Amino acid sequence: MDYLEVPTKDTRYAYVTGRVRGLEKHLLKETDFTRLKESEGLRQAVLILAKSYPYSESLKRISQAEDFEEGLEEELRRSRIELKSFSPQPELVNLFWLEYDFHNIKVLLKVKGQRELSKKVDESKWEKYLSKAGSIQIGLLQEAVYRENFLDLPGKFKDLISEIITSIKKELHPLKIDTFLDKKFFEVLSSKLREYDDPFLDGLGKKLIDRFNIEVFLRVKLWGRETKRNFLEKIIAEGGGVEKKRLVDIAEQSKNSLIEELKNTEYSYPLQKALEEWEDKRNLSRLDDFFDKNILKYTRVGLYITFGREPLINYIFLKKNELKRLRKILRGKYYVANSHNRR
């Protein structure tokens, strides 16, 4: 999207834009990421990060470098609260943290499933996988999932979790829970974004669903899972820029059929490169990078707009991408350190 063609004129967001411009100054630069990558070990990397604001605040809570995940989680949580504090539509901010609520529901449902199968469950072991960055208190989710008490949940989640629990009672396999919830998450997010009647948000929702659907399609093909049409029919979400029917119709064809089907879209060339990488390295990191950059390319219109939601949304995606990159760097150093210790 060319920023010169964006017609947004929402004066409620003029103050928000001013605040966002201030926050943008604290985003890490490429030189910062280079320093972290070149640092000698996890401890030094965490010490470097802890010297820059706002990580100097978020990392205060951790006692050792190995607990960096807790610090990044705190920064994610803190960012949501700060952005909500000055947004005229705080529920919009929460929408982009909805994925962490769904993540927590996944974890709790797996615990519930093990309970119902009469397996011993060490709940403390599972608690470390719960995210504190979500918009719903973990205690409320535990009450809803474990005891099916939805009274204290936010309105939109009462029916949602009730529906989810009803739908999975017959199938408690972890993979099926994840697939079902991933699809439900994107459908809910897209539906909520459309309620704003904003072309920018609508377009963003379509891109996010395209990413999910294309990655799901490839996982089914590349990992040799069931490839029947009715299986993809169940797991591909509605509402993307690429119609669901187009993907379902090539369910029985080869993985390369996806490139041909999407040859006139922006996804064709990245898909070709991704499949080449798969043949060579058996991973799809290049495709993941493409989608990250593709979405940031779309949201960066927010750098040039004053009166609208775009600056806020752009900052949210820049911040989440920053945290994703940090997690990747620090996890890499953590695994290297642990592998040396095991020798």
C-alpha atoms as a PDB file:
ATOM      1  CA  MET A   1       0.000   0.000   0.000  1.00  0.00           C
ATOM      2  CA  ASP A   2       1.339   3.416  -0.928  1.00  0.00           C
ATOM      3  CA  TYR A   3       1.126   5.710   2.099  1.00  0.00           C
ATOM      4  CA  LEU A   4       0.235   8.653  -0.143  1.00  0.00           C
ATOM      5  CA  GLU A   5      -3.019   6.933  -1.063  1.00  0.00           C
ATOM      6  CA  VAL A   6      -4.179   6.218   2.487  1.00  0.00           C
ATOM      7  CA  PRO A   7      -7.310   8.278   3.245  1.00  0.00           C
ATOM      8  CA  THR A   8      -7.402   7.746   7.029  1.00  0.00           C
ATOM      9  CA  LYS A   9      -8.459  10.826   9.012  1.00  0.00           C
ATOM     10  CA  ASP A  10      -9.218   9.815  12.607  1.00  0.00           C
ATOM     11  CA  THR A  11      -8.359  12.759  14.850  1.00  0.00           C
ATOM     12  CA  ARG A  12      -8.810  10.643  18.002  1.00  0.00           C
ATOM     13  CA  TYR A  13      -5.430   9.113  17.213  1.00  0.00           C
ATOM     14  CA  ALA A  14      -3.424  12.346  16.938  1.00  0.00           C
ATOM     15  CA  TYR A  15      -2.289  12.085  20.576  1.00  0.00           C
ATOM     16  CA  VAL A  16      -1.647   8.346  20.184  1.00  0.00           C
ATOM     17  CA  THR A  17       0.607   9.014  17.221  1.00  0.00           C
ATOM     18  CA  GLY A  18       2.665  11.459  19.260  1.00  0.00           C
ATOM     19  CA  ARG A  19       3.159   8.867  21.982  1.00  0.00           C
ATOM     20  CA  VAL A  20       4.009   6.175  19.454  1.00  0.00           C
ATOM     21  CA  ARG A  21       6.657   8.369  17.831  1.00  0.00           C
ATOM     22  CA  GLY A  22       8.337   8.585  21.222  1.00  0.00           C
ATOM     23  CA  LEU A  23       8.228   4.812  21.667  1.00  0.00           C
ATOM     24  CA  GLU A  24       9.661   4.213  18.201  1.00  0.00           C
ATOM     25  CA  LYS A  25      12.874   5.942  19.299  1.00  0.00           C
ATOM     26  CA  HIS A  26      13.493   3.153  21.789  1.00  0.00           C
ATOM     27  CA  LEU A  27      13.161   0.319  19.291  1.00  0.00           C
ATOM     28  CA  LEU A  28      16.414  -1.565  18.797  1.00  0.00           C
ATOM     29  CA  LYS A  29      18.522  -0.720  15.754  1.00  0.00           C
ATOM     30  CA  GLU A  30      20.269  -3.203  13.490  1.00  0.00           C
ATOM     31  CA  THR A  31      23.555  -2.312  15.175  1.00  0.00           C
ATOM     32  CA  ASP A  32      22.024  -3.410  18.497  1.00  0.00           C
ATOM     33  CA  PHE A  33      21.074  -6.791  17.071  1.00  0.00           C
ATOM     34  CA  THR A  34      24.575  -7.148  15.633  1.00  0.00           C
ATOM     35  CA  ARG A  35      26.130  -6.465  19.039  1.00  0.00           C
ATOM     36  CA  LEU A  36      23.904  -9.070  20.637  1.00  0.00           C
ATOM     37  CA  LYS A  37      24.717 -11.672  17.998  1.00  0.00           C
ATOM     38  CA  GLU A  38      28.446 -11.035  18.339  1.00  0.00           C
ATOM     39  CA  SER A  39      28.441 -11.013  22.154  1.00  0.00           C
ATOM     40  CA  GLU A  40      30.316 -13.775  23.956  1.00  0.00           C
ATOM     41  CA  GLY A  41      27.629 -15.984  25.401  1.00  0.00           C
ATOM     42  CA  LEU A  42      24.181 -15.608  26.857  1.00  0.00           C
ATOM     43  CA  ARG A  43      25.176 -13.708  29.982  1.00  0.00           C
ATOM     44  CA  GLN A  44      26.944 -10.958  28.052  1.00  0.00           C
ATOM     45  CA  ALA A  45      24.055 -10.663  25.612  1.00  0.00           C
ATOM     46  CA  VAL A  46      21.545 -10.249  28.442  1.00  0.00           C
ATOM     47  CA  LEU A  47      23.783  -7.684  30.150  1.00  0.00           C
ATOM     48  CA  ILE A  48      23.992  -5.663  26.913  1.00  0.00           C
ATOM     49  CA  LEU A  49      20.224  -5.789  26.459  1.00  0.00           C
ATOM     50  CA  ALA A  50      19.617  -4.799  30.073  1.00  0.00           C
ATOM     51  CA  LYS A  51      21.468  -1.514  29.497  1.00  0.00           C
ATOM     52  CA  SER A  52      18.924  -0.269  26.957  1.00  0.00           C
ATOM     53  CA  TYR A  53      15.493   1.104  27.835  1.00  0.00           C
ATOM     54  CA  PRO A  54      12.856  -0.367  28.255  1.00  0.00           C
ATOM     55  CA  TYR A  55      14.597  -3.721  28.701  1.00  0.00           C
ATOM     56  CA  SER A  56      16.453  -2.175  31.616  1.00  0.00           C
ATOM     57  CA  GLU A  57      13.057  -2.261  33.376  1.00  0.00           C
ATOM     58  CA  SER A  58      11.714  -5.570  32.106  1.00  0.00           C
ATOM     59  CA  LEU A  59      14.864  -7.543  32.889  1.00  0.00           C
ATOM     60  CA  LYS A  60      15.049  -6.315  36.486  1.00  0.00           C
ATOM     61  CA  ARG A  61      12.854  -9.206  37.569  1.00  0.00           C
ATOM     62  CA  ILE A  62      15.221 -11.960  36.482  1.00  0.00           C
ATOM     63  CA  SER A  63      18.028 -13.176  38.726  1.00  0.00           C
ATOM     64  CA  GLN A  64      20.104 -14.981  36.100  1.00  0.00           C
ATOM     65  CA  ALA A  65      20.651 -14.758  32.355  1.00  0.00           C
ATOM     66  CA  GLU A  66      19.049 -18.166  31.808  1.00  0.00           C
ATOM     67  CA  ASP A  67      15.699 -16.635  32.826  1.00  0.00           C
ATOM     68  CA  PHE A  68      15.698 -14.263  29.852  1.00  0.00           C
ATOM     69  CA  GLU A  69      12.345 -15.665  28.656  1.00  0.00           C
ATOM     70  CA  GLU A  70      10.694 -14.207  31.756  1.00  0.00           C
ATOM     71  CA  GLY A  71      12.179 -10.804  30.992  1.00  0.00           C
ATOM     72  CA  LEU A  72      10.975 -10.830  27.384  1.00  0.00           C
ATOM     73  CA  GLU A  73       7.549 -11.974  28.560  1.00  0.00           C
ATOM     74  CA  GLU A  74       7.445  -9.076  30.993  1.00  0.00           C
ATOM     75  CA  GLU A  75       8.339  -6.636  28.214  1.00  0.00           C
ATOM     76  CA  LEU A  76       5.534  -8.026  26.085  1.00  0.00           C
ATOM     77  CA  ARG A  77       3.073  -7.675  28.958  1.00  0.00           C
ATOM     78  CA  ARG A  78       4.294  -4.187  29.835  1.00  0.00           C
ATOM     79  CA  SER A  79       3.985  -3.033  26.215  1.00  0.00           C
ATOM     80  CA  ARG A  80       0.331  -4.050  26.020  1.00  0.00           C
ATOM     81  CA  ILE A  81      -0.535  -2.220  29.227  1.00  0.00           C
ATOM     82  CA  GLU A  82       1.304   0.932  28.159  1.00  0.00           C
ATOM     83  CA  LEU A  83      -0.301   1.045  24.704  1.00  0.00           C
ATOM     84  CA  LYS A  84      -3.766   0.482  26.160  1.00  0.00           C
ATOM     85  CA  SER A  85      -3.257   3.338  28.607  1.00  0.00           C
ATOM     86  CA  PHE A  86      -3.293   6.000  25.888  1.00  0.00           C
ATOM     87  CA  SER A  87      -5.347   4.358  23.137  1.00  0.00           C
ATOM     88  CA  PRO A  88      -8.911   5.614  22.550  1.00  0.00           C
ATOM     89  CA  GLN A  89      -9.794   2.010  21.635  1.00  0.00           C
ATOM     90  CA  PRO A  90      -7.915  -0.163  24.152  1.00  0.00           C
ATOM     91  CA  GLU A  91      -9.819  -3.256  22.992  1.00  0.00           C
ATOM     92  CA  LEU A  92      -8.048  -2.914  19.639  1.00  0.00           C
ATOM     93  CA  VAL A  93      -4.686  -3.234  21.382  1.00  0.00           C
ATOM     94  CA  ASN A  94      -5.907  -6.350  23.186  1.00  0.00           C
ATOM     95  CA  LEU A  95      -6.776  -7.974  19.857  1.00  0.00           C
ATOM     96  CA  PHE A  96      -3.091  -8.151  18.964  1.00  0.00           C
ATOM     97  CA  TRP A  97      -2.344  -9.934  22.232  1.00  0.00           C
ATOM     98  CA  LEU A  98      -5.200 -12.383  21.693  1.00  0.00           C
ATOM     99  CA  GLU A  99      -2.732 -15.019  20.479  1.00  0.00           C
ATOM    100  CA  TYR A 100      -1.274 -15.298  23.987  1.00  0.00           C
ATOM    101  CA  ASP A 101      -4.722 -15.947  25.453  1.00  0.00           C
ATOM    102  CA  PHE A 102      -5.232 -18.673  22.869  1.00  0.00           C
ATOM    103  CA  HIS A 103      -1.808 -20.085  23.685  1.00  0.00           C
ATOM    104  CA  ASN A 104      -2.809 -20.323  27.340  1.00  0.00           C
ATOM    105  CA  ILE A 105      -6.098 -21.985  26.433  1.00  0.00           C
ATOM    106  CA  LYS A 106      -4.126 -24.580  24.434  1.00  0.00           C
ATOM    107  CA  VAL A 107      -1.911 -25.387  27.419  1.00  0.00           C
ATOM    108  CA  LEU A 108      -4.818 -25.616  29.848  1.00  0.00           C
ATOM    109  CA  LEU A 109      -6.868 -27.799  27.512  1.00  0.00           C
ATOM    110  CA  LYS A 110      -3.986 -30.250  27.243  1.00  0.00           C
ATOM    111  CA  VAL A 111      -3.834 -30.455  31.031  1.00  0.00           C
ATOM    112  CA  LYS A 112      -7.598 -30.951  31.128  1.00  0.00           C
ATOM    113  CA  GLY A 113      -7.325 -33.669  28.506  1.00  0.00           C
ATOM    114  CA  GLN A 114      -4.735 -35.565  30.511  1.00  0.00           C
ATOM    115  CA  ARG A 115      -6.900 -35.275  33.597  1.00  0.00           C
ATOM    116  CA  GLU A 116      -9.909 -36.728  31.793  1.00  0.00           C
ATOM    117  CA  LEU A 117      -7.803 -39.597  30.513  1.00  0.00           C
ATOM    118  CA  SER A 118      -6.968 -40.400  34.146  1.00  0.00           C
ATOM    119  CA  LYS A 119      -3.334 -39.542  33.691  1.00  0.00           C
ATOM    120  CA  LYS A 120      -1.307 -37.991  36.476  1.00  0.00           C
ATOM    121  CA  VAL A 121      -0.656 -34.363  35.676  1.00  0.00           C
ATOM    122  CA  ASP A 122       2.129 -32.285  37.185  1.00  0.00           C
ATOM    123  CA  GLU A 123       0.455 -28.897  36.761  1.00  0.00           C
ATOM    124  CA  SER A 124       3.521 -27.021  38.005  1.00  0.00           C
ATOM    125  CA  LYS A 125       5.446 -28.458  35.051  1.00  0.00           C
ATOM    126  CA  TRP A 126       2.869 -27.048  32.656  1.00  0.00           C
ATOM    127  CA  GLU A 127       2.647 -23.636  34.325  1.00  0.00           C
ATOM    128  CA  LYS A 128       5.998 -22.581  32.887  1.00  0.00           C
ATOM    129  CA  TYR A 129       4.441 -22.742  29.413  1.00  0.00           C
ATOM    130  CA  LEU A 130       1.685 -20.250  30.279  1.00  0.00           C
ATOM    131  CA  SER A 131       2.114 -16.713  28.997  1.00  0.00           C
ATOM    132  CA  LYS A 132       1.608 -13.773  31.338  1.00  0.00           C
ATOM    133  CA  ALA A 133       1.336 -11.422  28.369  1.00  0.00           C
ATOM    134  CA  GLY A 134      -2.265 -12.272  27.509  1.00  0.00           C
ATOM    135  CA  SER A 135      -5.217  -9.962  28.080  1.00  0.00           C
ATOM    136  CA  ILE A 136      -7.077 -12.432  30.335  1.00  0.00           C
ATOM    137  CA  GLN A 137      -5.872 -13.402  33.793  1.00  0.00           C
ATOM    138  CA  ILE A 138      -4.572 -16.966  33.879  1.00  0.00           C
ATOM    139  CA  GLY A 139      -6.697 -17.726  36.940  1.00  0.00           C
ATOM    140  CA  LEU A 140      -9.887 -16.891  35.036  1.00  0.00           C
ATOM    141  CA  LEU A 141      -8.859 -19.155  32.165  1.00  0.00           C
ATOM    142  CA  GLN A 142      -8.055 -21.982  34.563  1.00  0.00           C
ATOM    143  CA  GLU A 143     -11.488 -21.640  36.142  1.00  0.00           C
ATOM    144  CA  ALA A 144     -13.151 -21.648  32.727  1.00  0.00           C
ATOM    145  CA  VAL A 145     -11.223 -24.586  31.269  1.00  0.00           C
ATOM    146  CA  TYR A 146     -10.864 -26.833  34.315  1.00  0.00           C
ATOM    147  CA  ARG A 147     -14.263 -26.223  35.924  1.00  0.00           C
ATOM    148  CA  GLU A 148     -16.182 -24.915  32.891  1.00  0.00           C
ATOM    149  CA  ASN A 149     -17.125 -21.816  34.878  1.00  0.00           C
ATOM    150  CA  PHE A 150     -17.299 -18.954  32.366  1.00  0.00           C
ATOM    151  CA  LEU A 151     -19.029 -16.327  34.528  1.00  0.00           C
ATOM    152  CA  ASP A 152     -16.018 -14.060  35.081  1.00  0.00           C
ATOM    153  CA  LEU A 153     -14.661 -14.205  31.543  1.00  0.00           C
ATOM    154  CA  PRO A 154     -14.911 -11.187  29.214  1.00  0.00           C
ATOM    155  CA  GLY A 155     -18.072 -11.439  27.125  1.00  0.00           C
ATOM    156  CA  LYS A 156     -16.508 -12.536  23.852  1.00  0.00           C
ATOM    157  CA  PHE A 157     -14.679 -15.418  25.548  1.00  0.00           C
ATOM    158  CA  LYS A 158     -17.627 -17.015  27.352  1.00  0.00           C
ATOM    159  CA  ASP A 159     -19.210 -18.510  24.259  1.00  0.00           C
ATOM    160  CA  LEU A 160     -15.847 -19.056  22.607  1.00  0.00           C
ATOM    161  CA  ILE A 161     -14.322 -21.273  25.294  1.00  0.00           C
ATOM    162  CA  SER A 162     -17.608 -23.078  25.831  1.00  0.00           C
ATOM    163  CA  GLU A 163     -17.696 -23.862  22.099  1.00  0.00           C
ATOM    164  CA  ILE A 164     -14.058 -24.956  22.088  1.00  0.00           C
ATOM    165  CA  ILE A 165     -14.485 -27.321  25.037  1.00  0.00           C
ATOM    166  CA  THR A 166     -17.609 -28.832  23.501  1.00  0.00           C
ATOM    167  CA  SER A 167     -15.877 -29.288  20.145  1.00  0.00           C
ATOM    168  CA  ILE A 168     -12.780 -31.058  21.450  1.00  0.00           C
ATOM    169  CA  LYS A 169     -14.347 -33.352  24.034  1.00  0.00           C
ATOM    170  CA  LYS A 170     -14.448 -36.096  21.429  1.00  0.00           C
ATOM    171  CA  GLU A 171     -10.871 -35.496  20.263  1.00  0.00           C
ATOM    172  CA  LEU A 172      -8.222 -34.624  22.839  1.00  0.00           C
ATOM    173  CA  HIS A 173      -5.119 -35.282  20.736  1.00  0.00           C
ATOM    174  CA  PRO A 174      -2.706 -32.329  21.292  1.00  0.00           C
ATOM    175  CA  LEU A 175      -2.181 -31.800  17.561  1.00  0.00           C
ATOM    176  CA  LYS A 176      -5.913 -31.535  16.941  1.00  0.00           C
ATOM    177  CA  ILE A 177      -6.306 -29.078  19.835  1.00  0.00           C
ATOM    178  CA  ASP A 178      -3.555 -26.849  18.418  1.00  0.00           C
ATOM    179  CA  THR A 179      -4.927 -26.963  14.889  1.00  0.00           C
ATOM    180  CA  PHE A 180      -8.479 -26.249  15.970  1.00  0.00           C
ATOM    181  CA  LEU A 181      -7.459 -23.325  18.187  1.00  0.00           C
ATOM    182  CA  ASP A 182      -5.107 -21.805  15.598  1.00  0.00           C
ATOM    183  CA  LYS A 183      -7.909 -21.719  13.072  1.00  0.00           C
ATOM    184  CA  LYS A 184     -10.347 -20.340  15.638  1.00  0.00           C
ATOM    185  CA  PHE A 185      -7.871 -17.642  16.664  1.00  0.00           C
ATOM    186  CA  PHE A 186      -7.471 -16.285  13.145  1.00  0.00           C
ATOM    187  CA  GLU A 187     -11.196 -16.405  12.472  1.00  0.00           C
ATOM    188  CA  VAL A 188     -11.930 -14.485  15.681  1.00  0.00           C
ATOM    189  CA  LEU A 189      -9.171 -11.945  15.014  1.00  0.00           C
ATOM    190  CA  SER A 190     -10.306 -11.347  11.434  1.00  0.00           C
ATOM    191  CA  SER A 191     -13.942 -11.025  12.487  1.00  0.00           C
ATOM    192  CA  LYS A 192     -13.104  -8.494  15.206  1.00  0.00           C
ATOM    193  CA  LEU A 193     -10.908  -6.439  12.870  1.00  0.00           C
ATOM    194  CA  ARG A 194     -13.722  -6.215  10.315  1.00  0.00           C
ATOM    195  CA  GLU A 195     -15.971  -4.671  12.957  1.00  0.00           C
ATOM    196  CA  TYR A 196     -13.891  -1.489  12.789  1.00  0.00           C
ATOM    197  CA  ASP A 197     -14.888  -0.981   9.140  1.00  0.00           C
ATOM    198  CA  ASP A 198     -11.316   0.115   8.398  1.00  0.00           C
ATOM    199  CA  PRO A 199      -9.742  -0.946   5.062  1.00  0.00           C
ATOM    200  CA  PHE A 200      -6.289  -0.954   6.659  1.00  0.00           C
ATOM    201  CA  LEU A 201      -7.316  -3.360   9.433  1.00  0.00           C
ATOM    202  CA  ASP A 202      -9.314  -5.489   7.015  1.00  0.00           C
ATOM    203  CA  GLY A 203      -6.296  -5.833   4.723  1.00  0.00           C
ATOM    204  CA  LEU A 204      -4.064  -6.701   7.664  1.00  0.00           C
ATOM    205  CA  GLY A 205      -6.471  -9.414   8.775  1.00  0.00           C
ATOM    206  CA  LYS A 206      -6.389 -10.956   5.302  1.00  0.00           C
ATOM    207  CA  LYS A 207      -2.589 -11.017   5.261  1.00  0.00           C
ATOM    208  CA  LEU A 208      -2.442 -12.691   8.658  1.00  0.00           C
ATOM    209  CA  ILE A 209      -4.899 -15.374   7.561  1.00  0.00           C
ATOM    210  CA  ASP A 210      -3.014 -15.914   4.291  1.00  0.00           C
ATOM    211  CA  ARG A 211       0.127 -16.543   6.306  1.00  0.00           C
ATOM    212  CA  PHE A 212      -1.608 -19.058   8.532  1.00  0.00           C
ATOM    213  CA  ASN A 213      -3.329 -20.866   5.669  1.00  0.00           C
ATOM    214  CA  ILE A 214      -0.253 -21.122   3.454  1.00  0.00           C
ATOM    215  CA  GLU A 215       1.900 -22.395   6.314  1.00  0.00           C
ATOM    216  CA  VAL A 216      -0.770 -24.932   7.303  1.00  0.00           C
ATOM    217  CA  PHE A 217      -1.072 -26.135   3.708  1.00  0.00           C
ATOM    218  CA  LEU A 218       2.685 -26.660   3.485  1.00  0.00           C
ATOM    219  CA  ARG A 219       2.901 -28.419   6.852  1.00  0.00           C
ATOM    220  CA  VAL A 220       0.274 -30.881   5.701  1.00  0.00           C
ATOM    221  CA  LYS A 221       2.162 -31.522   2.461  1.00  0.00           C
ATOM    222  CA  LEU A 222       5.758 -31.472   3.679  1.00  0.00           C
ATOM    223  CA  TRP A 223       5.370 -33.416   6.894  1.00  0.00           C
ATOM    224  CA  GLY A 224       3.363 -36.117   5.166  1.00  0.00           C
ATOM    225  CA  ARG A 225       0.197 -35.642   7.147  1.00  0.00           C
ATOM    226  CA  GLU A 226      -3.232 -36.479   5.854  1.00  0.00           C
ATOM    227  CA  THR A 227      -3.818 -34.619   2.593  1.00  0.00           C
ATOM    228  CA  LYS A 228      -7.435 -35.337   1.853  1.00  0.00           C
ATOM    229  CA  ARG A 229      -9.620 -32.437   0.885  1.00  0.00           C
ATOM    230  CA  ASN A 230     -11.899 -32.752   3.909  1.00  0.00           C
ATOM    231  CA  PHE A 231      -8.920 -32.451   6.279  1.00  0.00           C
ATOM    232  CA  LEU A 232      -7.756 -29.138   4.798  1.00  0.00           C
ATOM    233  CA  GLU A 233     -11.378 -28.038   4.703  1.00  0.00           C
ATOM    234  CA  LYS A 234     -11.422 -28.316   8.481  1.00  0.00           C
ATOM    235  CA  ILE A 235      -8.148 -26.565   9.280  1.00  0.00           C
ATOM    236  CA  ILE A 236      -7.917 -23.717   6.743  1.00  0.00           C
ATOM    237  CA  ALA A 237      -9.465 -20.451   7.930  1.00  0.00           C
ATOM    238  CA  GLU A 238     -11.924 -18.280   6.060  1.00  0.00           C
ATOM    239  CA  GLY A 239     -11.282 -14.612   5.330  1.00  0.00           C
ATOM    240  CA  GLY A 240      -7.867 -14.510   3.698  1.00  0.00           C
ATOM    241  CA  GLY A 241      -6.857 -12.660   0.555  1.00  0.00           C
ATOM    242  CA  VAL A 242      -6.409 -16.087  -1.027  1.00  0.00           C
ATOM    243  CA  GLU A 243      -9.819 -17.767  -0.952  1.00  0.00           C
ATOM    244  CA  LYS A 244     -10.079 -20.925   1.104  1.00  0.00           C
ATOM    245  CA  LYS A 245     -11.610 -22.785  -1.849  1.00  0.00           C
ATOM    246  CA  ARG A 246      -8.483 -22.238  -3.949  1.00  0.00           C
ATOM    247  CA  LEU A 247      -6.369 -24.036  -1.387  1.00  0.00           C
ATOM    248  CA  VAL A 248      -8.851 -26.798  -0.675  1.00  0.00           C
ATOM    249  CA  ASP A 249      -9.272 -27.512  -4.397  1.00  0.00           C
ATOM    250  CA  ILE A 250      -5.573 -28.428  -4.760  1.00  0.00           C
ATOM    251  CA  ALA A 251      -5.482 -30.521  -1.579  1.00  0.00           C
ATOM    252  CA  GLU A 252      -4.776 -33.766  -3.451  1.00  0.00           C
ATOM    253  CA  GLN A 253      -2.159 -32.267  -5.758  1.00  0.00           C
ATOM    254  CA  SER A 254       1.595 -31.962  -5.191  1.00  0.00           C
ATOM    255  CA  LYS A 255       3.172 -29.313  -2.988  1.00  0.00           C
ATOM    256  CA  ASN A 256       4.374 -27.477  -6.094  1.00  0.00           C
ATOM    257  CA  SER A 257       0.763 -26.963  -7.149  1.00  0.00           C
ATOM    258  CA  LEU A 258       0.564 -24.202  -4.545  1.00  0.00           C
ATOM    259  CA  ILE A 259       3.153 -22.162  -6.467  1.00  0.00           C
ATOM    260  CA  GLU A 260       1.184 -22.539  -9.671  1.00  0.00           C
ATOM    261  CA  GLU A 261      -2.123 -21.712  -7.970  1.00  0.00           C
ATOM    262  CA  LEU A 262      -0.675 -18.520  -6.483  1.00  0.00           C
ATOM    263  CA  LYS A 263       1.491 -17.545  -9.459  1.00  0.00           C
ATOM    264  CA  ASN A 264      -0.228 -14.167  -9.857  1.00  0.00           C
ATOM    265  CA  THR A 265       0.079 -13.246  -6.188  1.00  0.00           C
ATOM    266  CA  GLU A 266       2.876 -11.810  -4.070  1.00  0.00           C
ATOM    267  CA  TYR A 267       3.360 -15.256  -2.526  1.00  0.00           C
ATOM    268  CA  SER A 268       4.495 -17.160  -5.606  1.00  0.00           C
ATOM    269  CA  TYR A 269       8.232 -16.366  -5.635  1.00  0.00           C
ATOM    270  CA  PRO A 270       8.709 -16.686  -1.840  1.00  0.00           C
ATOM    271  CA  LEU A 271       6.960 -20.061  -1.976  1.00  0.00           C
ATOM    272  CA  GLN A 272       9.282 -21.231  -4.732  1.00  0.00           C
ATOM    273  CA  LYS A 273      12.327 -20.231  -2.665  1.00  0.00           C
ATOM    274  CA  ALA A 274      10.836 -21.790   0.446  1.00  0.00           C
ATOM    275  CA  LEU A 275      10.382 -25.155  -1.242  1.00  0.00           C
ATOM    276  CA  GLU A 276      13.950 -24.997  -2.544  1.00  0.00           C
ATOM    277  CA  GLU A 277      15.117 -24.387   1.014  1.00  0.00           C
ATOM    278  CA  TRP A 278      13.012 -27.303   2.202  1.00  0.00           C
ATOM    279  CA  GLU A 279      14.684 -29.639  -0.280  1.00  0.00           C
ATOM    280  CA  ASP A 280      18.103 -28.431   0.849  1.00  0.00           C
ATOM    281  CA  LYS A 281      17.754 -27.881   4.612  1.00  0.00           C
ATOM    282  CA  ARG A 282      14.381 -29.336   5.605  1.00  0.00           C
ATOM    283  CA  ASN A 283      13.145 -26.086   7.143  1.00  0.00           C
ATOM    284  CA  LEU A 284      11.000 -23.123   6.124  1.00  0.00           C
ATOM    285  CA  SER A 285      12.807 -20.283   7.880  1.00  0.00           C
ATOM    286  CA  ARG A 286      12.986 -18.262   4.662  1.00  0.00           C
ATOM    287  CA  LEU A 287       9.201 -18.344   4.318  1.00  0.00           C
ATOM    288  CA  ASP A 288       8.806 -17.279   7.947  1.00  0.00           C
ATOM    289  CA  ASP A 289      11.136 -14.328   7.324  1.00  0.00           C
ATOM    290  CA  PHE A 290       9.196 -13.394   4.203  1.00  0.00           C
ATOM    291  CA  PHE A 291       5.891 -13.244   6.040  1.00  0.00           C
ATOM    292  CA  ASP A 292       7.412 -11.173   8.863  1.00  0.00           C
ATOM    293  CA  LYS A 293       8.773  -8.650   6.365  1.00  0.00           C
ATOM    294  CA  ASN A 294       5.647  -8.730   4.215  1.00  0.00           C
ATOM    295  CA  ILE A 295       3.406  -7.786   7.129  1.00  0.00           C
ATOM    296  CA  LEU A 296       5.808  -5.081   8.327  1.00  0.00           C
ATOM    297  CA  LYS A 297       5.917  -3.704   4.790  1.00  0.00           C
ATOM    298  CA  TYR A 298       2.136  -3.425   4.923  1.00  0.00           C
ATOM    299  CA  THR A 299       1.943  -1.811   8.367  1.00  0.00           C
ATOM    300  CA  ARG A 300       4.802   0.655   7.827  1.00  0.00           C
ATOM    301  CA  VAL A 301       2.313   3.033   6.260  1.00  0.00           C
ATOM    302  CA  GLY A 302       1.909   4.016   9.915  1.00  0.00           C
ATOM    303  CA  LEU A 303       5.249   5.821   9.725  1.00  0.00           C
ATOM    304  CA  TYR A 304       3.668   8.460   7.482  1.00  0.00           C
ATOM    305  CA  ILE A 305       0.193   8.934   8.993  1.00  0.00           C
ATOM    306  CA  THR A 306      -0.839  11.130  11.907  1.00  0.00           C
ATOM    307  CA  PHE A 307      -4.601  10.804  12.083  1.00  0.00           C
ATOM    308  CA  GLY A 308      -5.358   7.114  12.207  1.00  0.00           C
ATOM    309  CA  ARG A 309      -4.803   3.716  13.765  1.00  0.00           C
ATOM    310  CA  GLU A 310      -1.910   2.877  11.445  1.00  0.00           C
ATOM    311  CA  PRO A 311       0.956   4.271  13.611  1.00  0.00           C
ATOM    312  CA  LEU A 312      -0.245   2.311  16.638  1.00  0.00           C
ATOM    313  CA  ILE A 313      -0.645  -0.947  14.713  1.00  0.00           C
ATOM    314  CA  ASN A 314       2.709  -0.497  12.986  1.00  0.00           C
ATOM    315  CA  TYR A 315       4.432  -0.017  16.343  1.00  0.00           C
ATOM    316  CA  ILE A 316       2.750  -3.149  17.744  1.00  0.00           C
ATOM    317  CA  PHE A 317       4.115  -5.268  14.903  1.00  0.00           C
ATOM    318  CA  LEU A 318       7.557  -3.671  15.073  1.00  0.00           C
ATOM    319  CA  LYS A 319       7.717  -4.361  18.794  1.00  0.00           C
ATOM    320  CA  LYS A 320       6.538  -7.960  18.490  1.00  0.00           C
ATOM    321  CA  ASN A 321       9.022  -8.562  15.674  1.00  0.00           C
ATOM    322  CA  GLU A 322      11.785  -7.092  17.828  1.00  0.00           C
ATOM    323  CA  LEU A 323      10.927  -9.488  20.649  1.00  0.00           C
ATOM    324  CA  LYS A 324      10.810 -12.403  18.234  1.00  0.00           C
ATOM    325  CA  ARG A 325      14.300 -11.596  16.973  1.00  0.00           C
ATOM    326  CA  LEU A 326      15.619 -11.198  20.517  1.00  0.00           C
ATOM    327  CA  ARG A 327      14.141 -14.518  21.568  1.00  0.00           C
ATOM    328  CA  LYS A 328      15.775 -16.235  18.603  1.00  0.00           C
ATOM    329  CA  ILE A 329      19.206 -14.762  19.390  1.00  0.00           C
ATOM    330  CA  LEU A 330      19.070 -15.484  23.122  1.00  0.00           C
ATOM    331  CA  ARG A 331      17.683 -18.994  22.673  1.00  0.00           C
ATOM    332  CA  GLY A 332      20.507 -19.729  20.267  1.00  0.00           C
ATOM    333  CA  LYS A 333      23.082 -18.658  22.835  1.00  0.00           C
ATOM    334  CA  TYR A 334      21.278 -20.600  25.557  1.00  0.00           C
ATOM    335  CA  TYR A 335      21.332 -23.827  23.550  1.00  0.00           C
ATOM    336  CA  VAL A 336      24.991 -23.368  22.641  1.00  0.00           C
ATOM    337  CA  ALA A 337      25.879 -22.901  26.322  1.00  0.00           C
ATOM    338  CA  ASN A 338      23.870 -25.956  27.360  1.00  0.00           C
ATOM    339  CA  SER A 339      25.383 -28.144  24.650  1.00  0.00           C
ATOM    340  CA  HIS A 340      28.880 -27.203  25.871  1.00  0.00           C
ATOM    341  CA  ASN A 341      27.912 -27.990  29.472  1.00  0.00           C
ATOM    342  CA  ARG A 342      26.710 -31.460  28.491  1.00  0.00           C
ATOM    343  CA  ARG A 343      30.029 -32.372  26.907  1.00  0.00           C
END
